[in-house]
Amino acid sequence: MSKEESRFRGRARDYSRYRPGYPVELATHLERVGLLPAYGVVADVAAGTGKLSALFLDRGHVVYGVEPNGEMRAAAERAFLGRENFHSVNGTAEATGLPAGSVDLVTVGQALHWFDLKLAREEFLRVLRPAGAVAVVWNEREEAEGFGAAYQRIVDTYKRERRPVSCKSITPGMLNAFFAPEPPGWLRVRQGCHYTLEGIIGRMRSSSYMPYEPDEAHDMIAALEKAFDAHAVNGQVELEYQAVMCYGRFRAVEATVQA
């Protein structure tokens, strides 16, 4: 197991239950602009527990969920048990194990920051059909006010790394280079997620850079309980997100993409 995979050891249950999903508008937009044909084939790379895969499965597309972490992959397999259009694959962004020219769309949900961008780009080009496309998706949490601001203060206090590895490390310039020579398109969709106390604790514990084991997470959980009591309405608090999608067709270029 790689260092990146081990960071999520034991977190699959919380990740599956409490991480936000993605709005269906992302999938319908890709269909509408002609980047995903009806009943197309999708490679969801670093699929995790299947948060992004679900969008495309529900719309009749065939999805290959490529995921190196065994716990995450098993959670997706349980979630999609009996879905004939879902195929679980033990692979990475740099070596998916998929046949060349076999998919219409490669998707990446909340994971591009883990990849070697140069090698991943080469692999995506290999598995895509001619005129194939890529969609990089992530959820940005709003932190400005209310419970969101309190949640962020707790993250800043108890995170185990000064600069956690996250989607924030991927800049627009890096994405422009990744999709070059054509500039990518962008779509943003707001969504709110409501959590019980159990849910908000699980949401925080699902992040790879936050304490997880009960002994190390004790103070973090106490702070969350206090913030929850201060902000809860009818037994729930809300975190607001923007689902962000950067997308476009993929083709080979001579320039080297810097990771």
C-alpha atoms as a PDB file:
ATOM      1  CA  MET A   1       0.000   0.000   0.000  1.00  0.00           C
ATOM      2  CA  SER A   2       1.373   3.406  -0.982  1.00  0.00           C
ATOM      3  CA  LYS A   3       1.672   6.311   1.437  1.00  0.00           C
ATOM      4  CA  GLU A   4      -1.302   7.985  -0.243  1.00  0.00           C
ATOM      5  CA  GLU A   5      -3.473   4.871   0.069  1.00  0.00           C
ATOM      6  CA  SER A   6      -2.526   4.292   3.720  1.00  0.00           C
ATOM      7  CA  ARG A   7      -3.702   7.802   4.669  1.00  0.00           C
ATOM      8  CA  PHE A   8      -7.298   6.618   4.187  1.00  0.00           C
ATOM      9  CA  ARG A   9      -6.904   3.345   6.076  1.00  0.00           C
ATOM     10  CA  GLY A  10     -10.000   2.819   8.213  1.00  0.00           C
ATOM     11  CA  ARG A  11     -11.824   5.858   6.820  1.00  0.00           C
ATOM     12  CA  ALA A  12     -13.905   4.195   4.083  1.00  0.00           C
ATOM     13  CA  ARG A  13     -17.074   3.936   6.199  1.00  0.00           C
ATOM     14  CA  ASP A  14     -17.036   7.600   7.181  1.00  0.00           C
ATOM     15  CA  TYR A  15     -16.059   8.639   3.654  1.00  0.00           C
ATOM     16  CA  SER A  16     -18.943   6.704   2.139  1.00  0.00           C
ATOM     17  CA  ARG A  17     -21.551   7.912   4.615  1.00  0.00           C
ATOM     18  CA  TYR A  18     -20.610  11.505   5.265  1.00  0.00           C
ATOM     19  CA  ARG A  19     -18.649  13.017   2.385  1.00  0.00           C
ATOM     20  CA  PRO A  20     -20.862  15.069   0.077  1.00  0.00           C
ATOM     21  CA  GLY A  21     -21.847  13.575  -3.233  1.00  0.00           C
ATOM     22  CA  TYR A  22     -22.062  15.440  -6.531  1.00  0.00           C
ATOM     23  CA  PRO A  23     -25.067  17.116  -8.178  1.00  0.00           C
ATOM     24  CA  VAL A  24     -26.554  15.441 -11.243  1.00  0.00           C
ATOM     25  CA  GLU A  25     -26.095  18.692 -13.193  1.00  0.00           C
ATOM     26  CA  LEU A  26     -22.449  17.727 -13.695  1.00  0.00           C
ATOM     27  CA  ALA A  27     -23.340  14.590 -15.646  1.00  0.00           C
ATOM     28  CA  THR A  28     -26.165  16.200 -17.609  1.00  0.00           C
ATOM     29  CA  HIS A  29     -23.889  19.081 -18.599  1.00  0.00           C
ATOM     30  CA  LEU A  30     -21.274  16.706 -20.031  1.00  0.00           C
ATOM     31  CA  GLU A  31     -24.001  14.950 -22.010  1.00  0.00           C
ATOM     32  CA  ARG A  32     -25.484  18.211 -23.237  1.00  0.00           C
ATOM     33  CA  VAL A  33     -22.165  19.597 -24.540  1.00  0.00           C
ATOM     34  CA  GLY A  34     -21.409  16.355 -26.379  1.00  0.00           C
ATOM     35  CA  LEU A  35     -18.571  15.033 -24.217  1.00  0.00           C
ATOM     36  CA  LEU A  36     -20.426  11.914 -23.088  1.00  0.00           C
ATOM     37  CA  PRO A  37     -22.586   9.926 -25.505  1.00  0.00           C
ATOM     38  CA  ALA A  38     -25.724   8.090 -24.476  1.00  0.00           C
ATOM     39  CA  TYR A  39     -24.786   4.892 -22.635  1.00  0.00           C
ATOM     40  CA  GLY A  40     -21.135   5.917 -22.834  1.00  0.00           C
ATOM     41  CA  VAL A  41     -18.215   4.292 -21.052  1.00  0.00           C
ATOM     42  CA  VAL A  42     -16.699   6.152 -18.099  1.00  0.00           C
ATOM     43  CA  ALA A  43     -13.451   5.453 -16.257  1.00  0.00           C
ATOM     44  CA  ASP A  44     -13.866   6.961 -12.808  1.00  0.00           C
ATOM     45  CA  VAL A  45     -10.243   7.142 -11.672  1.00  0.00           C
ATOM     46  CA  ALA A  46      -9.533   7.138  -7.928  1.00  0.00           C
ATOM     47  CA  ALA A  47     -13.223   6.315  -7.574  1.00  0.00           C
ATOM     48  CA  GLY A  48     -13.032   5.830  -3.812  1.00  0.00           C
ATOM     49  CA  THR A  49     -16.367   4.665  -2.447  1.00  0.00           C
ATOM     50  CA  GLY A  50     -18.186   5.630  -5.652  1.00  0.00           C
ATOM     51  CA  LYS A  51     -19.470   9.142  -4.923  1.00  0.00           C
ATOM     52  CA  LEU A  52     -18.893  10.338  -8.497  1.00  0.00           C
ATOM     53  CA  SER A  53     -19.489   6.968 -10.152  1.00  0.00           C
ATOM     54  CA  ALA A  54     -23.083   7.004  -8.910  1.00  0.00           C
ATOM     55  CA  LEU A  55     -24.002   9.988 -11.102  1.00  0.00           C
ATOM     56  CA  PHE A  56     -23.102   8.173 -14.295  1.00  0.00           C
ATOM     57  CA  LEU A  57     -24.419   4.757 -13.258  1.00  0.00           C
ATOM     58  CA  ASP A  58     -27.826   6.266 -12.519  1.00  0.00           C
ATOM     59  CA  ARG A  59     -27.946   7.699 -16.048  1.00  0.00           C
ATOM     60  CA  GLY A  60     -27.228   4.337 -17.701  1.00  0.00           C
ATOM     61  CA  HIS A  61     -23.541   4.758 -18.461  1.00  0.00           C
ATOM     62  CA  VAL A  62     -21.029   1.957 -17.994  1.00  0.00           C
ATOM     63  CA  VAL A  63     -18.566   2.863 -15.236  1.00  0.00           C
ATOM     64  CA  TYR A  64     -15.179   1.355 -14.474  1.00  0.00           C
ATOM     65  CA  GLY A  65     -14.351   2.409 -10.929  1.00  0.00           C
ATOM     66  CA  VAL A  66     -10.557   2.449 -10.776  1.00  0.00           C
ATOM     67  CA  GLU A  67      -9.343   2.548  -7.153  1.00  0.00           C
ATOM     68  CA  PRO A  68      -6.099   1.339  -5.509  1.00  0.00           C
ATOM     69  CA  ASN A  69      -7.308   1.387  -1.883  1.00  0.00           C
ATOM     70  CA  GLY A  70      -8.859  -1.972  -1.023  1.00  0.00           C
ATOM     71  CA  GLU A  71     -11.186  -0.644   1.689  1.00  0.00           C
ATOM     72  CA  MET A  72     -12.523   2.120  -0.541  1.00  0.00           C
ATOM     73  CA  ARG A  73     -12.897  -0.232  -3.494  1.00  0.00           C
ATOM     74  CA  ALA A  74     -14.803  -2.759  -1.377  1.00  0.00           C
ATOM     75  CA  ALA A  75     -17.182  -0.031  -0.183  1.00  0.00           C
ATOM     76  CA  ALA A  76     -17.993   0.864  -3.803  1.00  0.00           C
ATOM     77  CA  GLU A  77     -18.499  -2.793  -4.667  1.00  0.00           C
ATOM     78  CA  ARG A  78     -21.004  -3.121  -1.828  1.00  0.00           C
ATOM     79  CA  ALA A  79     -22.783   0.082  -2.818  1.00  0.00           C
ATOM     80  CA  PHE A  80     -23.192  -1.022  -6.429  1.00  0.00           C
ATOM     81  CA  LEU A  81     -23.787  -4.725  -5.863  1.00  0.00           C
ATOM     82  CA  GLY A  82     -26.007  -6.031  -8.633  1.00  0.00           C
ATOM     83  CA  ARG A  83     -25.428  -3.024 -10.899  1.00  0.00           C
ATOM     84  CA  GLU A  84     -24.362  -4.646 -14.152  1.00  0.00           C
ATOM     85  CA  ASN A  85     -23.013  -1.375 -15.529  1.00  0.00           C
ATOM     86  CA  PHE A  86     -20.437  -1.033 -12.714  1.00  0.00           C
ATOM     87  CA  HIS A  87     -17.034  -2.707 -12.886  1.00  0.00           C
ATOM     88  CA  SER A  88     -14.527  -2.464 -10.049  1.00  0.00           C
ATOM     89  CA  VAL A  89     -10.856  -2.192 -11.050  1.00  0.00           C
ATOM     90  CA  ASN A  90      -7.761  -2.340  -8.845  1.00  0.00           C
ATOM     91  CA  GLY A  91      -5.617   0.311 -10.499  1.00  0.00           C
ATOM     92  CA  THR A  92      -4.158   3.794 -10.251  1.00  0.00           C
ATOM     93  CA  ALA A  93      -4.323   6.987 -12.268  1.00  0.00           C
ATOM     94  CA  GLU A  94      -0.919   6.235 -13.716  1.00  0.00           C
ATOM     95  CA  ALA A  95      -1.714   2.569 -14.460  1.00  0.00           C
ATOM     96  CA  THR A  96      -5.453   1.974 -14.671  1.00  0.00           C
ATOM     97  CA  GLY A  97      -5.232  -1.531 -16.136  1.00  0.00           C
ATOM     98  CA  LEU A  98      -7.913  -0.615 -18.701  1.00  0.00           C
ATOM     99  CA  PRO A  99      -7.511  -1.460 -22.398  1.00  0.00           C
ATOM    100  CA  ALA A 100      -6.280   1.230 -24.772  1.00  0.00           C
ATOM    101  CA  GLY A 101      -9.022   3.253 -26.466  1.00  0.00           C
ATOM    102  CA  SER A 102     -11.769   1.762 -24.320  1.00  0.00           C
ATOM    103  CA  VAL A 103     -13.553   4.718 -22.684  1.00  0.00           C
ATOM    104  CA  ASP A 104     -15.383   7.878 -23.729  1.00  0.00           C
ATOM    105  CA  LEU A 105     -14.788   9.871 -20.562  1.00  0.00           C
ATOM    106  CA  VAL A 106     -12.290   9.825 -17.703  1.00  0.00           C
ATOM    107  CA  THR A 107     -13.530  11.363 -14.463  1.00  0.00           C
ATOM    108  CA  VAL A 108     -11.580  12.302 -11.354  1.00  0.00           C
ATOM    109  CA  GLY A 109     -13.460  13.183  -8.163  1.00  0.00           C
ATOM    110  CA  GLN A 110     -11.615  14.952  -5.329  1.00  0.00           C
ATOM    111  CA  ALA A 111      -8.356  13.180  -6.199  1.00  0.00           C
ATOM    112  CA  LEU A 112      -6.219  14.921  -8.848  1.00  0.00           C
ATOM    113  CA  HIS A 113      -3.887  16.246  -6.130  1.00  0.00           C
ATOM    114  CA  TRP A 114      -2.726  12.674  -5.448  1.00  0.00           C
ATOM    115  CA  PHE A 115      -1.612  12.031  -9.040  1.00  0.00           C
ATOM    116  CA  ASP A 116       1.631  12.317 -10.950  1.00  0.00           C
ATOM    117  CA  LEU A 117       0.085  14.652 -13.512  1.00  0.00           C
ATOM    118  CA  LYS A 118       2.457  13.813 -16.350  1.00  0.00           C
ATOM    119  CA  LEU A 119       1.999  10.046 -16.009  1.00  0.00           C
ATOM    120  CA  ALA A 120      -1.742  10.341 -15.380  1.00  0.00           C
ATOM    121  CA  ARG A 121      -2.163  12.456 -18.503  1.00  0.00           C
ATOM    122  CA  GLU A 122      -0.332   9.848 -20.569  1.00  0.00           C
ATOM    123  CA  GLU A 123      -2.527   7.097 -19.134  1.00  0.00           C
ATOM    124  CA  PHE A 124      -5.737   9.029 -19.758  1.00  0.00           C
ATOM    125  CA  LEU A 125      -4.719   9.580 -23.381  1.00  0.00           C
ATOM    126  CA  ARG A 126      -4.010   5.867 -23.718  1.00  0.00           C
ATOM    127  CA  VAL A 127      -7.394   4.652 -22.446  1.00  0.00           C
ATOM    128  CA  LEU A 128      -9.546   7.311 -24.126  1.00  0.00           C
ATOM    129  CA  ARG A 129     -11.156   6.825 -27.491  1.00  0.00           C
ATOM    130  CA  PRO A 130     -10.487   9.427 -30.198  1.00  0.00           C
ATOM    131  CA  ALA A 131     -12.055  12.759 -29.172  1.00  0.00           C
ATOM    132  CA  GLY A 132     -12.446  11.410 -25.618  1.00  0.00           C
ATOM    133  CA  ALA A 133     -12.854  13.798 -22.700  1.00  0.00           C
ATOM    134  CA  VAL A 134     -11.767  14.281 -19.101  1.00  0.00           C
ATOM    135  CA  ALA A 135     -13.720  15.834 -16.223  1.00  0.00           C
ATOM    136  CA  VAL A 136     -11.944  16.802 -13.009  1.00  0.00           C
ATOM    137  CA  VAL A 137     -14.430  17.351 -10.177  1.00  0.00           C
ATOM    138  CA  TRP A 138     -14.194  18.411  -6.559  1.00  0.00           C
ATOM    139  CA  ASN A 139     -16.286  19.920  -3.776  1.00  0.00           C
ATOM    140  CA  GLU A 140     -15.180  23.258  -2.334  1.00  0.00           C
ATOM    141  CA  ARG A 141     -16.444  23.876   1.169  1.00  0.00           C
ATOM    142  CA  GLU A 142     -17.695  27.384   1.941  1.00  0.00           C
ATOM    143  CA  GLU A 143     -16.019  28.672   5.111  1.00  0.00           C
ATOM    144  CA  ALA A 144     -17.100  32.293   5.398  1.00  0.00           C
ATOM    145  CA  GLU A 145     -19.710  32.279   8.145  1.00  0.00           C
ATOM    146  CA  GLY A 146     -21.954  30.304  10.456  1.00  0.00           C
ATOM    147  CA  PHE A 147     -21.132  26.707  11.193  1.00  0.00           C
ATOM    148  CA  GLY A 148     -18.796  26.541   8.190  1.00  0.00           C
ATOM    149  CA  ALA A 149     -16.472  29.075   9.816  1.00  0.00           C
ATOM    150  CA  ALA A 150     -16.537  27.201  13.127  1.00  0.00           C
ATOM    151  CA  TYR A 151     -15.818  23.931  11.336  1.00  0.00           C
ATOM    152  CA  GLN A 152     -12.798  25.458   9.586  1.00  0.00           C
ATOM    153  CA  ARG A 153     -11.398  26.786  12.869  1.00  0.00           C
ATOM    154  CA  ILE A 154     -11.503  23.250  14.269  1.00  0.00           C
ATOM    155  CA  VAL A 155      -9.789  21.898  11.149  1.00  0.00           C
ATOM    156  CA  ASP A 156      -7.037  24.516  11.476  1.00  0.00           C
ATOM    157  CA  THR A 157      -6.563  23.681  15.157  1.00  0.00           C
ATOM    158  CA  TYR A 158      -6.390  19.895  14.923  1.00  0.00           C
ATOM    159  CA  LYS A 159      -5.118  19.065  11.412  1.00  0.00           C
ATOM    160  CA  ARG A 160      -2.045  16.854  11.473  1.00  0.00           C
ATOM    161  CA  GLU A 161      -0.235  18.718   8.692  1.00  0.00           C
ATOM    162  CA  ARG A 162       0.580  22.410   8.329  1.00  0.00           C
ATOM    163  CA  ARG A 163      -0.352  22.284   4.640  1.00  0.00           C
ATOM    164  CA  PRO A 164      -2.649  19.304   4.095  1.00  0.00           C
ATOM    165  CA  VAL A 165      -2.673  17.614   0.704  1.00  0.00           C
ATOM    166  CA  SER A 166      -5.982  18.648  -0.857  1.00  0.00           C
ATOM    167  CA  CYS A 167      -7.646  19.819  -4.045  1.00  0.00           C
ATOM    168  CA  LYS A 168      -6.572  23.364  -3.105  1.00  0.00           C
ATOM    169  CA  SER A 169      -3.053  22.453  -4.243  1.00  0.00           C
ATOM    170  CA  ILE A 170      -4.262  22.142  -7.862  1.00  0.00           C
ATOM    171  CA  THR A 171      -4.184  25.598  -9.419  1.00  0.00           C
ATOM    172  CA  PRO A 172      -6.043  26.838 -12.514  1.00  0.00           C
ATOM    173  CA  GLY A 173      -2.674  27.091 -14.247  1.00  0.00           C
ATOM    174  CA  MET A 174      -1.975  23.421 -13.571  1.00  0.00           C
ATOM    175  CA  LEU A 175      -5.377  22.495 -14.955  1.00  0.00           C
ATOM    176  CA  ASN A 176      -4.842  24.626 -18.066  1.00  0.00           C
ATOM    177  CA  ALA A 177      -1.574  22.780 -18.657  1.00  0.00           C
ATOM    178  CA  PHE A 178      -3.232  19.421 -17.989  1.00  0.00           C
ATOM    179  CA  PHE A 179      -5.914  20.068 -20.604  1.00  0.00           C
ATOM    180  CA  ALA A 180      -3.658  21.862 -23.116  1.00  0.00           C
ATOM    181  CA  PRO A 181      -3.684  22.742 -25.928  1.00  0.00           C
ATOM    182  CA  GLU A 182      -7.418  23.562 -25.587  1.00  0.00           C
ATOM    183  CA  PRO A 183      -8.570  25.597 -22.572  1.00  0.00           C
ATOM    184  CA  PRO A 184     -10.953  23.612 -20.362  1.00  0.00           C
ATOM    185  CA  GLY A 185     -14.525  24.512 -19.558  1.00  0.00           C
ATOM    186  CA  TRP A 186     -15.749  25.183 -16.028  1.00  0.00           C
ATOM    187  CA  LEU A 187     -19.012  24.536 -14.200  1.00  0.00           C
ATOM    188  CA  ARG A 188     -19.909  25.367 -10.598  1.00  0.00           C
ATOM    189  CA  VAL A 189     -23.016  24.116  -8.794  1.00  0.00           C
ATOM    190  CA  ARG A 190     -23.893  25.056  -5.217  1.00  0.00           C
ATOM    191  CA  GLN A 191     -25.188  22.445  -2.814  1.00  0.00           C
ATOM    192  CA  GLY A 192     -25.853  22.273   0.906  1.00  0.00           C
ATOM    193  CA  CYS A 193     -25.330  19.240   3.140  1.00  0.00           C
ATOM    194  CA  HIS A 194     -27.028  18.806   6.506  1.00  0.00           C
ATOM    195  CA  TYR A 195     -25.437  16.772   9.284  1.00  0.00           C
ATOM    196  CA  THR A 196     -26.420  15.349  12.639  1.00  0.00           C
ATOM    197  CA  LEU A 197     -23.752  15.346  15.348  1.00  0.00           C
ATOM    198  CA  GLU A 198     -22.734  11.821  14.390  1.00  0.00           C
ATOM    199  CA  GLY A 199     -22.598  12.877  10.762  1.00  0.00           C
ATOM    200  CA  ILE A 200     -20.430  15.955  11.249  1.00  0.00           C
ATOM    201  CA  ILE A 201     -17.968  13.967  13.352  1.00  0.00           C
ATOM    202  CA  GLY A 202     -17.828  11.363  10.588  1.00  0.00           C
ATOM    203  CA  ARG A 203     -17.374  14.091   7.977  1.00  0.00           C
ATOM    204  CA  MET A 204     -14.330  15.482   9.756  1.00  0.00           C
ATOM    205  CA  ARG A 205     -12.856  12.035  10.450  1.00  0.00           C
ATOM    206  CA  SER A 206     -13.129  11.182   6.738  1.00  0.00           C
ATOM    207  CA  SER A 207     -10.386  13.711   5.886  1.00  0.00           C
ATOM    208  CA  SER A 208      -6.967  12.087   5.595  1.00  0.00           C
ATOM    209  CA  TYR A 209      -5.208  14.898   7.472  1.00  0.00           C
ATOM    210  CA  MET A 210      -7.486  14.898  10.548  1.00  0.00           C
ATOM    211  CA  PRO A 211      -7.139  12.744  13.682  1.00  0.00           C
ATOM    212  CA  TYR A 212      -9.014   9.478  13.418  1.00  0.00           C
ATOM    213  CA  GLU A 213      -8.374   7.078  16.302  1.00  0.00           C
ATOM    214  CA  PRO A 214     -10.496   7.791  19.423  1.00  0.00           C
ATOM    215  CA  ASP A 215      -7.563   8.664  21.684  1.00  0.00           C
ATOM    216  CA  GLU A 216      -6.064  11.224  19.274  1.00  0.00           C
ATOM    217  CA  ALA A 217      -9.434  12.595  18.129  1.00  0.00           C
ATOM    218  CA  HIS A 218     -10.879  13.196  21.613  1.00  0.00           C
ATOM    219  CA  ASP A 219     -10.246  16.952  21.806  1.00  0.00           C
ATOM    220  CA  MET A 220     -11.264  17.469  18.181  1.00  0.00           C
ATOM    221  CA  ILE A 221     -14.591  15.739  18.780  1.00  0.00           C
ATOM    222  CA  ALA A 222     -15.197  17.764  21.951  1.00  0.00           C
ATOM    223  CA  ALA A 223     -14.669  20.975  19.959  1.00  0.00           C
ATOM    224  CA  LEU A 224     -17.057  19.747  17.265  1.00  0.00           C
ATOM    225  CA  GLU A 225     -19.707  18.942  19.850  1.00  0.00           C
ATOM    226  CA  LYS A 226     -19.445  22.454  21.264  1.00  0.00           C
ATOM    227  CA  ALA A 227     -19.708  24.051  17.817  1.00  0.00           C
ATOM    228  CA  PHE A 228     -22.621  21.772  16.923  1.00  0.00           C
ATOM    229  CA  ASP A 229     -24.546  22.789  20.059  1.00  0.00           C
ATOM    230  CA  ALA A 230     -23.982  26.468  19.211  1.00  0.00           C
ATOM    231  CA  HIS A 231     -25.195  26.244  15.615  1.00  0.00           C
ATOM    232  CA  ALA A 232     -27.609  23.310  15.300  1.00  0.00           C
ATOM    233  CA  VAL A 233     -31.156  23.904  14.130  1.00  0.00           C
ATOM    234  CA  ASN A 234     -33.606  21.040  14.636  1.00  0.00           C
ATOM    235  CA  GLY A 235     -30.703  18.726  15.439  1.00  0.00           C
ATOM    236  CA  GLN A 236     -28.657  19.498  12.329  1.00  0.00           C
ATOM    237  CA  VAL A 237     -25.955  21.817  11.053  1.00  0.00           C
ATOM    238  CA  GLU A 238     -25.263  22.743   7.446  1.00  0.00           C
ATOM    239  CA  LEU A 239     -22.072  22.866   5.419  1.00  0.00           C
ATOM    240  CA  GLU A 240     -22.335  24.651   2.087  1.00  0.00           C
ATOM    241  CA  TYR A 241     -20.324  23.459  -0.909  1.00  0.00           C
ATOM    242  CA  GLN A 242     -19.657  24.338  -4.491  1.00  0.00           C
ATOM    243  CA  ALA A 243     -19.238  21.358  -6.771  1.00  0.00           C
ATOM    244  CA  VAL A 244     -16.604  22.439  -9.301  1.00  0.00           C
ATOM    245  CA  MET A 245     -15.978  20.700 -12.634  1.00  0.00           C
ATOM    246  CA  CYS A 246     -13.107  21.423 -15.024  1.00  0.00           C
ATOM    247  CA  TYR A 247     -13.620  19.535 -18.270  1.00  0.00           C
ATOM    248  CA  GLY A 248     -12.694  19.201 -21.912  1.00  0.00           C
ATOM    249  CA  ARG A 249     -11.533  16.974 -24.722  1.00  0.00           C
ATOM    250  CA  PHE A 250      -8.089  15.425 -24.385  1.00  0.00           C
ATOM    251  CA  ARG A 251      -5.451  15.133 -27.058  1.00  0.00           C
ATOM    252  CA  ALA A 252      -1.709  14.667 -27.153  1.00  0.00           C
ATOM    253  CA  VAL A 253       0.646  17.642 -27.194  1.00  0.00           C
ATOM    254  CA  GLU A 254       4.387  17.932 -27.395  1.00  0.00           C
ATOM    255  CA  ALA A 255       4.713  20.067 -24.258  1.00  0.00           C
ATOM    256  CA  THR A 256       5.435  18.288 -20.995  1.00  0.00           C
ATOM    257  CA  VAL A 257       2.884  18.678 -18.203  1.00  0.00           C
ATOM    258  CA  GLN A 258       4.541  19.571 -14.926  1.00  0.00           C
ATOM    259  CA  ALA A 259       3.324  17.755 -11.816  1.00  0.00           C
END
